[in-house]
Amino acid sequence: MSKRIFNQIDKYINEEEPEIEELNEYLEEIIVNDEISPTDKTILTRYSKVKKYLREQYGSDLSEAELKKIKPPSQIVDNVLESDKKVKEKKINIKFNQNDVDKILDYKNSKNLFELFIFLQFISGRRMSEIKEFEHNLRLIKNSKNQIKMKLAKKQDNGLEPITLIDNTISPEEFKIKVKKIRDMIEDISTNDFNKRLNRFIKKNINKNWSSHILRGMYGRYMFDTQNPENLNINGYLKKVLNHDSSDSSLSYSNFVFEK
């Protein structure tokens, strides 16, 4: 987002010293009714960035309770949710089978950097960045055979959450060792660059329509079909093993089909 809107906000606050309700009305005027006619999704993105800006620049003057009142019109939110729902409903199923799983599991002791990375990502269901970046700390759980704690992306707090490894693949201790090995090897490669290289390898050697993010969905579906003793429904189960905060997030992965 251009600095134009931030400059308008600064000027308005400094000159008018508005109440939070007045500020919210002004934001709607400059964000929603902008002459460039932004899309509904752009409007939501702008509100998110503006709220972050207000928190950083005016945090001493605005309380969190006041900042919560800064939000886009409900109709805009409803439009985006409805649009996202339709897109998800039209999603094509992503099918994989035991042969695909066995091929990836055979990468366990591979000396090929990409194969080992794919193996670690699949058996843990983690995002590519969570395997690559040192900031995603790992900690063993005493006496656990298939769980390890990890600092996850897209989480507001800095706590570590338990992640479950696919049974009979690797111990938490081995997982931690292999992740560190991978991180040491690719530390000087940017996350963006490595993801591009990884995706090229996957398309060439596994499936031309897949990417590294597909591995996360495959993990969720495979776990649901093979490690679901509580007999949870698909969305509830994906929320649990993918460490989502809501079932809505897990809907994005419910189009994976494991063909035994």
Protein backbone atom coordinates (compact mmCIF):
# COMPACT_ATOMS: atom_id res chain seq x y z
CA MET A 1 0.00 0.00 0.00
CA SER A 2 1.33 3.44 -0.92
CA LYS A 3 2.35 5.99 1.70
CA ARG A 4 -0.46 8.20 0.43
CA ILE A 5 -3.01 6.71 2.82
CA PHE A 6 -0.62 6.72 5.77
CA ASN A 7 0.11 10.41 5.13
CA GLN A 8 -3.61 11.17 5.02
CA ILE A 9 -4.10 9.38 8.32
CA ASP A 10 -1.23 11.27 9.99
CA LYS A 11 -2.57 14.60 8.82
CA TYR A 12 -6.11 13.82 9.95
CA ILE A 13 -5.06 12.63 13.40
CA ASN A 14 -2.70 15.54 14.01
CA GLU A 15 -5.16 18.20 12.85
CA GLU A 16 -8.47 16.79 14.11
CA GLU A 17 -7.50 14.68 17.15
CA PRO A 18 -10.53 12.47 16.42
CA GLU A 19 -12.40 10.05 18.64
CA ILE A 20 -12.05 6.44 17.55
CA GLU A 21 -15.51 6.42 15.94
CA GLU A 22 -14.61 9.50 13.89
CA LEU A 23 -11.31 7.94 12.86
CA ASN A 24 -13.09 4.78 11.73
CA GLU A 25 -15.49 6.82 9.60
CA TYR A 26 -12.59 8.70 8.05
CA LEU A 27 -10.76 5.44 7.29
CA GLU A 28 -13.82 4.10 5.49
CA GLU A 29 -13.86 7.23 3.36
CA ILE A 30 -10.21 7.01 2.27
CA ILE A 31 -9.94 3.20 2.10
CA VAL A 32 -13.30 2.01 0.79
CA ASN A 33 -14.32 5.04 -1.24
CA ASP A 34 -10.90 5.57 -2.78
CA GLU A 35 -11.05 6.87 -6.35
CA ILE A 36 -9.09 3.87 -7.63
CA SER A 37 -12.06 1.62 -6.67
CA PRO A 38 -10.19 -1.10 -4.76
CA THR A 39 -11.52 -4.65 -4.73
CA ASP A 40 -13.07 -6.05 -1.57
CA LYS A 41 -9.94 -8.13 -0.85
CA THR A 42 -7.74 -5.08 -1.34
CA ILE A 43 -9.90 -3.20 1.14
CA LEU A 44 -9.43 -5.93 3.76
CA THR A 45 -5.68 -5.92 3.17
CA ARG A 46 -5.59 -2.15 3.55
CA TYR A 47 -7.46 -2.27 6.84
CA SER A 48 -5.03 -4.86 8.15
CA LYS A 49 -2.03 -2.72 7.22
CA VAL A 50 -3.62 0.45 8.56
CA LYS A 51 -4.37 -1.20 11.89
CA LYS A 52 -0.76 -2.36 12.11
CA TYR A 53 0.40 1.16 11.26
CA LEU A 54 -1.82 2.71 13.92
CA ARG A 55 -0.58 0.23 16.50
CA GLU A 56 3.06 1.01 15.68
CA GLN A 57 2.74 4.80 15.34
CA TYR A 58 0.00 5.63 17.81
CA GLY A 59 0.12 2.70 20.21
CA SER A 60 0.67 4.98 23.17
CA ASP A 61 -2.52 6.90 22.36
CA LEU A 62 -4.78 4.10 21.13
CA SER A 63 -5.70 1.14 23.32
CA GLU A 64 -6.20 -2.38 21.94
CA ALA A 65 -9.91 -2.01 22.69
CA GLU A 66 -10.02 1.08 20.48
CA LEU A 67 -7.99 -0.57 17.73
CA LYS A 68 -10.50 -3.44 17.66
CA LYS A 69 -13.12 -0.92 16.56
CA ILE A 70 -11.08 -0.20 13.43
CA LYS A 71 -12.60 -2.63 10.97
CA PRO A 72 -14.00 -2.69 7.44
CA PRO A 73 -17.74 -2.51 6.74
CA SER A 74 -19.41 -5.85 7.49
CA GLN A 75 -20.73 -6.10 3.93
CA ILE A 76 -17.17 -6.07 2.57
CA VAL A 77 -16.19 -8.89 4.93
CA ASP A 78 -19.29 -10.91 3.99
CA ASN A 79 -18.57 -10.46 0.28
CA VAL A 80 -15.02 -11.77 0.65
CA LEU A 81 -16.10 -14.73 2.79
CA GLU A 82 -18.79 -15.68 0.28
CA SER A 83 -16.33 -15.36 -2.60
CA ASP A 84 -13.74 -17.51 -0.82
CA LYS A 85 -16.40 -20.11 -0.05
CA LYS A 86 -17.35 -20.39 -3.73
CA VAL A 87 -13.70 -20.73 -4.75
CA LYS A 88 -13.15 -23.51 -2.23
CA GLU A 89 -16.29 -25.32 -3.40
CA LYS A 90 -14.98 -25.31 -6.97
CA LYS A 91 -11.59 -26.69 -5.98
CA ILE A 92 -10.51 -29.80 -7.86
CA ASN A 93 -9.67 -32.79 -5.69
CA ILE A 94 -5.97 -33.55 -5.35
CA LYS A 95 -5.54 -37.30 -5.45
CA PHE A 96 -2.56 -39.32 -4.26
CA ASN A 97 -2.03 -42.97 -3.39
CA GLN A 98 0.15 -45.30 -1.36
CA ASN A 99 2.74 -45.43 -4.12
CA ASP A 100 3.18 -41.66 -3.86
CA VAL A 101 3.50 -41.95 -0.09
CA ASP A 102 6.00 -44.83 -0.31
CA LYS A 103 8.13 -42.90 -2.78
CA ILE A 104 8.39 -39.95 -0.39
CA LEU A 105 9.00 -42.18 2.64
CA ASP A 106 11.89 -43.81 0.77
CA TYR A 107 13.63 -40.42 0.87
CA LYS A 108 14.23 -40.87 4.62
CA ASN A 109 17.98 -41.48 4.32
CA SER A 110 18.54 -39.80 0.98
CA LYS A 111 21.71 -37.79 0.47
CA ASN A 112 19.81 -35.60 -1.97
CA LEU A 113 18.98 -32.30 -0.27
CA PHE A 114 15.57 -31.89 -1.90
CA GLU A 115 14.48 -35.47 -1.29
CA LEU A 116 15.33 -35.26 2.40
CA PHE A 117 13.53 -31.92 2.68
CA ILE A 118 10.41 -33.38 1.03
CA PHE A 119 10.48 -36.32 3.43
CA LEU A 120 10.72 -34.07 6.50
CA GLN A 121 7.98 -31.77 5.26
CA PHE A 122 5.60 -34.59 4.44
CA ILE A 123 5.94 -36.63 7.65
CA SER A 124 5.42 -33.49 9.79
CA GLY A 125 2.89 -31.53 7.72
CA ARG A 126 4.92 -28.38 8.21
CA ARG A 127 5.13 -25.41 5.91
CA MET A 128 8.29 -25.16 3.86
CA SER A 129 9.52 -22.14 5.84
CA GLU A 130 9.03 -23.98 9.13
CA ILE A 131 11.44 -26.70 8.08
CA LYS A 132 13.99 -24.31 6.59
CA GLU A 133 14.23 -21.39 9.01
CA PHE A 134 16.13 -21.54 12.30
CA GLU A 135 13.59 -19.24 14.00
CA HIS A 136 11.15 -22.15 14.14
CA ASN A 137 12.64 -23.71 17.24
CA LEU A 138 12.23 -27.40 18.00
CA ARG A 139 11.98 -28.99 21.44
CA LEU A 140 11.62 -32.63 22.37
CA ILE A 141 8.67 -33.83 24.46
CA LYS A 142 9.66 -36.21 27.21
CA ASN A 143 8.69 -39.85 26.49
CA SER A 144 6.86 -38.94 23.27
CA LYS A 145 7.32 -41.34 20.37
CA ASN A 146 5.75 -39.29 17.61
CA GLN A 147 5.39 -35.69 18.77
CA ILE A 148 7.75 -32.74 19.01
CA LYS A 149 7.16 -29.09 19.88
CA MET A 150 7.83 -26.35 17.35
CA LYS A 151 7.45 -22.61 16.97
CA LEU A 152 5.02 -22.25 14.08
CA ALA A 153 4.44 -19.62 11.42
CA LYS A 154 1.21 -17.62 11.28
CA LYS A 155 0.86 -17.73 15.07
CA GLN A 156 0.58 -14.49 17.05
CA ASP A 157 2.32 -15.81 20.15
CA ASN A 158 5.87 -17.10 20.34
CA GLY A 159 5.00 -20.35 22.08
CA LEU A 160 5.86 -23.82 20.85
CA GLU A 161 3.07 -26.17 19.75
CA PRO A 162 3.06 -29.97 19.50
CA ILE A 163 3.23 -31.42 16.01
CA THR A 164 2.56 -35.08 15.25
CA LEU A 165 4.84 -37.09 12.99
CA ILE A 166 3.49 -39.88 10.81
CA ASP A 167 3.77 -43.16 12.70
CA ASN A 168 6.64 -45.54 11.98
CA THR A 169 8.65 -43.04 9.95
CA ILE A 170 11.14 -41.32 12.23
CA SER A 171 11.58 -40.54 15.91
CA PRO A 172 11.28 -36.97 17.23
CA GLU A 173 15.01 -37.06 18.05
CA GLU A 174 15.91 -38.04 14.47
CA PHE A 175 13.53 -35.44 13.10
CA LYS A 176 15.23 -32.69 15.09
CA ILE A 177 18.69 -33.81 13.97
CA LYS A 178 17.73 -34.01 10.29
CA VAL A 179 15.98 -30.62 10.34
CA LYS A 180 19.09 -28.99 11.82
CA LYS A 181 21.21 -30.70 9.17
CA ILE A 182 18.99 -29.31 6.42
CA ARG A 183 18.98 -25.82 7.91
CA ASP A 184 22.77 -25.77 8.18
CA MET A 185 23.10 -26.78 4.54
CA ILE A 186 20.77 -24.14 3.10
CA GLU A 187 21.19 -21.31 5.58
CA ASP A 188 22.68 -19.00 2.93
CA ILE A 189 19.80 -19.54 0.48
CA SER A 190 16.77 -17.29 0.91
CA THR A 191 13.47 -18.98 1.75
CA ASN A 192 11.93 -17.65 -1.44
CA ASP A 193 14.74 -18.92 -3.63
CA PHE A 194 14.84 -22.33 -2.00
CA ASN A 195 11.08 -22.75 -2.36
CA LYS A 196 11.38 -22.13 -6.11
CA ARG A 197 14.15 -24.73 -6.40
CA LEU A 198 12.19 -27.21 -4.30
CA ASN A 199 9.06 -26.76 -6.40
CA ARG A 200 11.02 -27.34 -9.62
CA PHE A 201 12.37 -30.58 -8.17
CA ILE A 202 8.90 -31.76 -7.09
CA LYS A 203 7.35 -31.02 -10.49
CA LYS A 204 10.17 -32.82 -12.30
CA ASN A 205 10.55 -35.84 -10.05
CA ILE A 206 7.21 -36.46 -8.32
CA ASN A 207 4.24 -34.77 -9.99
CA LYS A 208 4.20 -31.89 -12.47
CA ASN A 209 1.08 -30.42 -10.83
CA TRP A 210 2.37 -30.44 -7.28
CA SER A 211 4.29 -27.94 -5.17
CA SER A 212 5.87 -28.03 -1.72
CA HIS A 213 2.64 -26.76 -0.16
CA ILE A 214 0.79 -29.80 -1.53
CA LEU A 215 2.82 -31.92 0.90
CA ARG A 216 1.06 -30.26 3.84
CA GLY A 217 -2.37 -31.21 2.51
CA MET A 218 -1.20 -34.74 1.72
CA TYR A 219 0.05 -35.11 5.28
CA GLY A 220 -3.27 -33.97 6.70
CA ARG A 221 -5.32 -36.34 4.57
CA TYR A 222 -2.98 -39.30 5.05
CA MET A 223 -2.99 -38.77 8.81
CA PHE A 224 -6.80 -38.55 8.80
CA ASP A 225 -7.06 -41.90 7.03
CA THR A 226 -4.37 -43.71 9.02
CA GLN A 227 -3.99 -42.06 12.45
CA ASN A 228 -7.44 -40.97 13.60
CA PRO A 229 -8.31 -43.11 16.64
CA GLU A 230 -10.77 -40.48 17.93
CA ASN A 231 -12.72 -40.74 14.65
CA LEU A 232 -12.85 -36.95 14.24
CA ASN A 233 -14.50 -35.47 11.15
CA ILE A 234 -12.14 -34.25 8.43
CA ASN A 235 -12.24 -30.54 9.28
CA GLY A 236 -11.87 -31.09 13.00
CA TYR A 237 -8.99 -33.48 12.42
CA LEU A 238 -7.16 -31.17 10.01
CA LYS A 239 -7.56 -28.28 12.44
CA LYS A 240 -5.86 -30.42 15.07
CA VAL A 241 -2.91 -31.86 13.13
CA LEU A 242 -2.24 -28.75 11.01
CA ASN A 243 -2.35 -26.57 14.15
CA HIS A 244 -4.98 -24.21 12.80
CA ASP A 245 -6.85 -21.79 15.02
CA SER A 246 -10.18 -22.44 13.32
CA SER A 247 -11.84 -25.09 11.15
CA ASP A 248 -12.33 -22.51 8.40
CA SER A 249 -8.58 -22.55 7.72
CA SER A 250 -8.64 -26.32 7.42
CA LEU A 251 -11.29 -26.19 4.70
CA SER A 252 -8.50 -25.22 2.30
CA TYR A 253 -7.06 -28.74 2.69
CA SER A 254 -10.25 -30.79 2.62
CA ASN A 255 -10.03 -31.44 -1.14
CA PHE A 256 -7.20 -33.97 -0.79
CA VAL A 257 -8.11 -37.60 -1.51
CA PHE A 258 -5.97 -40.55 -0.44
CA GLU A 259 -6.63 -43.54 -2.68
CA LYS A 260 -5.53 -46.65 -0.84
